[in-house]
């Protein structure tokens, strides 16, 4: 598959794919006899993984380390190191998911309480001494 089709497949730009290969986010892509990139299923898997890990906020540096490890021949150490990178990212993502759920819960609460809050405010019953402490609600 050529670079244009690979880029379209994953909704990335051709420049992004070239950058990923140049800096080592993905391993070097095989080139055909004419010198054009010829993406294999393995290459496409690397792009898919890189895109999703970037979307989950894994740094480019970590992706480069992950890809470089895959090109080494010390299998056991490589597997352990790659797995640790993935595990660390999973922990970070789990923390972010907890934070996002808390924000979502707050938004749901604010939406549900909005009409009541506005009605109290308009009735003059929303003085500063009666203002709710949102941060205590989350406990």
Protein backbone atom coordinates (compact mmCIF):
# COMPACT_ATOMS: atom_id res chain seq x y z
CA UNK A 1 0.00 0.00 0.00
CA UNK A 2 1.33 3.45 -0.84
CA UNK A 3 1.73 6.29 1.66
CA UNK A 4 -1.34 8.19 0.48
CA UNK A 5 -3.63 5.21 1.04
CA UNK A 6 -2.02 4.43 4.40
CA UNK A 7 -2.51 8.04 5.50
CA UNK A 8 -6.16 8.02 4.42
CA UNK A 9 -6.74 4.67 6.12
CA UNK A 10 -5.79 6.10 9.52
CA UNK A 11 -6.90 9.71 8.94
CA UNK A 12 -3.34 11.00 9.21
CA UNK A 13 -1.43 13.25 6.88
CA UNK A 14 1.30 11.97 4.59
CA UNK A 15 3.64 14.35 6.39
CA UNK A 16 2.77 12.73 9.74
CA UNK A 17 3.61 9.28 8.40
CA UNK A 18 6.91 10.53 7.00
CA UNK A 19 7.67 12.21 10.34
CA UNK A 20 6.81 9.06 12.32
CA UNK A 21 9.23 7.06 10.20
CA UNK A 22 11.96 9.72 10.18
CA UNK A 23 12.07 10.11 13.98
CA UNK A 24 11.52 6.41 14.68
CA UNK A 25 7.96 6.33 16.00
CA UNK A 26 7.44 3.50 13.51
CA UNK A 27 10.18 1.22 12.15
CA UNK A 28 11.55 1.94 8.67
CA UNK A 29 9.04 1.14 5.93
CA UNK A 30 10.05 -1.13 3.04
CA UNK A 31 10.53 0.65 -0.24
CA UNK A 32 9.63 -0.79 -3.64
CA UNK A 33 11.94 -0.90 -6.65
CA UNK A 34 11.02 2.70 -7.51
CA UNK A 35 11.95 3.89 -4.01
CA UNK A 36 8.39 4.52 -2.87
CA UNK A 37 7.18 3.37 0.54
CA UNK A 38 5.27 0.11 0.32
CA UNK A 39 3.33 -0.36 3.56
CA UNK A 40 2.82 -3.94 4.72
CA UNK A 41 0.28 -5.16 7.25
CA UNK A 42 3.02 -4.98 9.89
CA UNK A 43 3.72 -1.35 8.99
CA UNK A 44 0.01 -0.55 9.15
CA UNK A 45 -0.18 -2.18 12.58
CA UNK A 46 2.64 0.09 13.75
CA UNK A 47 0.83 3.16 12.43
CA UNK A 48 -2.42 2.09 14.10
CA UNK A 49 -0.62 1.49 17.40
CA UNK A 50 1.26 4.79 17.20
CA UNK A 51 -1.86 6.78 16.39
CA UNK A 52 -3.84 5.26 19.23
CA UNK A 53 -1.05 5.59 21.78
CA UNK A 54 -0.54 9.23 20.76
CA UNK A 55 -4.29 9.79 21.18
CA UNK A 56 -3.89 8.37 24.68
CA UNK A 57 -1.14 10.96 25.31
CA UNK A 58 1.89 8.68 25.06
CA UNK A 59 4.84 10.90 24.25
CA UNK A 60 6.64 10.74 20.93
CA UNK A 61 9.80 9.91 22.89
CA UNK A 62 8.14 6.87 24.47
CA UNK A 63 6.89 5.74 21.08
CA UNK A 64 10.38 6.06 19.65
CA UNK A 65 11.77 4.01 22.53
CA UNK A 66 9.06 1.39 22.00
CA UNK A 67 9.81 1.13 18.26
CA UNK A 68 13.59 0.99 18.80
CA UNK A 69 13.16 -1.83 21.30
CA UNK A 70 11.18 -3.79 18.71
CA UNK A 71 14.16 -3.67 16.37
CA UNK A 72 16.57 -5.17 18.90
CA UNK A 73 17.30 -8.88 19.02
CA UNK A 74 17.50 -9.36 22.82
CA UNK A 75 13.97 -10.74 22.92
CA UNK A 76 13.31 -11.16 26.66
CA UNK A 77 14.64 -7.74 27.66
CA UNK A 78 12.86 -6.10 24.73
CA UNK A 79 9.56 -7.73 25.59
CA UNK A 80 9.84 -6.70 29.23
CA UNK A 81 10.78 -3.12 28.35
CA UNK A 82 8.01 -2.77 25.78
CA UNK A 83 5.47 -4.26 28.15
CA UNK A 84 6.57 -1.81 30.85
CA UNK A 85 6.05 1.14 28.49
CA UNK A 86 2.54 -0.12 27.72
CA UNK A 87 1.82 -0.80 31.39
CA UNK A 88 2.97 2.69 32.41
CA UNK A 89 0.75 4.21 29.74
CA UNK A 90 -2.21 2.15 30.92
CA UNK A 91 -1.73 3.45 34.46
CA UNK A 92 -1.63 7.05 33.18
CA UNK A 93 -4.73 6.47 31.09
CA UNK A 94 -6.59 4.95 34.04
CA UNK A 95 -5.78 8.06 36.12
CA UNK A 96 -7.06 10.30 33.34
CA UNK A 97 -10.23 8.24 33.03
CA UNK A 98 -10.93 8.71 36.74
CA UNK A 99 -10.42 12.46 36.36
CA UNK A 100 -12.61 12.57 33.26
CA UNK A 101 -15.37 10.63 35.06
CA UNK A 102 -15.25 13.14 37.93
CA UNK A 103 -15.58 16.02 35.48
CA UNK A 104 -18.42 14.22 33.71
CA UNK A 105 -20.22 13.65 37.03
CA UNK A 106 -19.85 17.35 37.86
CA UNK A 107 -21.28 18.36 34.49
CA UNK A 108 -24.23 16.00 34.90
CA UNK A 109 -24.87 17.42 38.37
CA UNK A 110 -24.65 21.02 37.14
CA UNK A 111 -27.04 20.28 34.27
CA UNK A 112 -29.52 18.53 36.56
CA UNK A 113 -29.34 21.30 39.18
CA UNK A 114 -29.24 24.18 36.73
CA UNK A 115 -32.95 25.05 36.56
CA UNK A 116 -33.31 24.85 40.35
CA UNK A 117 -30.24 27.02 40.85
CA UNK A 118 -31.48 29.67 38.40
CA UNK A 119 -34.94 29.67 40.00
CA UNK A 120 -33.41 30.26 43.47
CA UNK A 121 -31.19 33.00 42.10
CA UNK A 122 -34.12 34.77 40.41
CA UNK A 123 -36.19 34.47 43.60
CA UNK A 124 -33.41 36.17 45.53
CA UNK A 125 -32.63 33.01 47.48
CA UNK A 126 -29.10 32.55 46.14
CA UNK A 127 -27.06 34.63 48.55
CA UNK A 128 -23.36 34.06 48.98
CA UNK A 129 -23.89 32.45 52.40
CA UNK A 130 -25.90 29.68 50.72
CA UNK A 131 -23.49 28.93 47.87
CA UNK A 132 -22.70 25.28 47.58
CA UNK A 133 -19.08 24.09 47.86
CA UNK A 134 -18.75 21.98 44.72
CA UNK A 135 -15.42 20.50 45.78
CA UNK A 136 -17.06 18.98 48.89
CA UNK A 137 -19.79 17.41 46.80
CA UNK A 138 -17.26 15.13 45.08
CA UNK A 139 -16.17 13.49 48.35
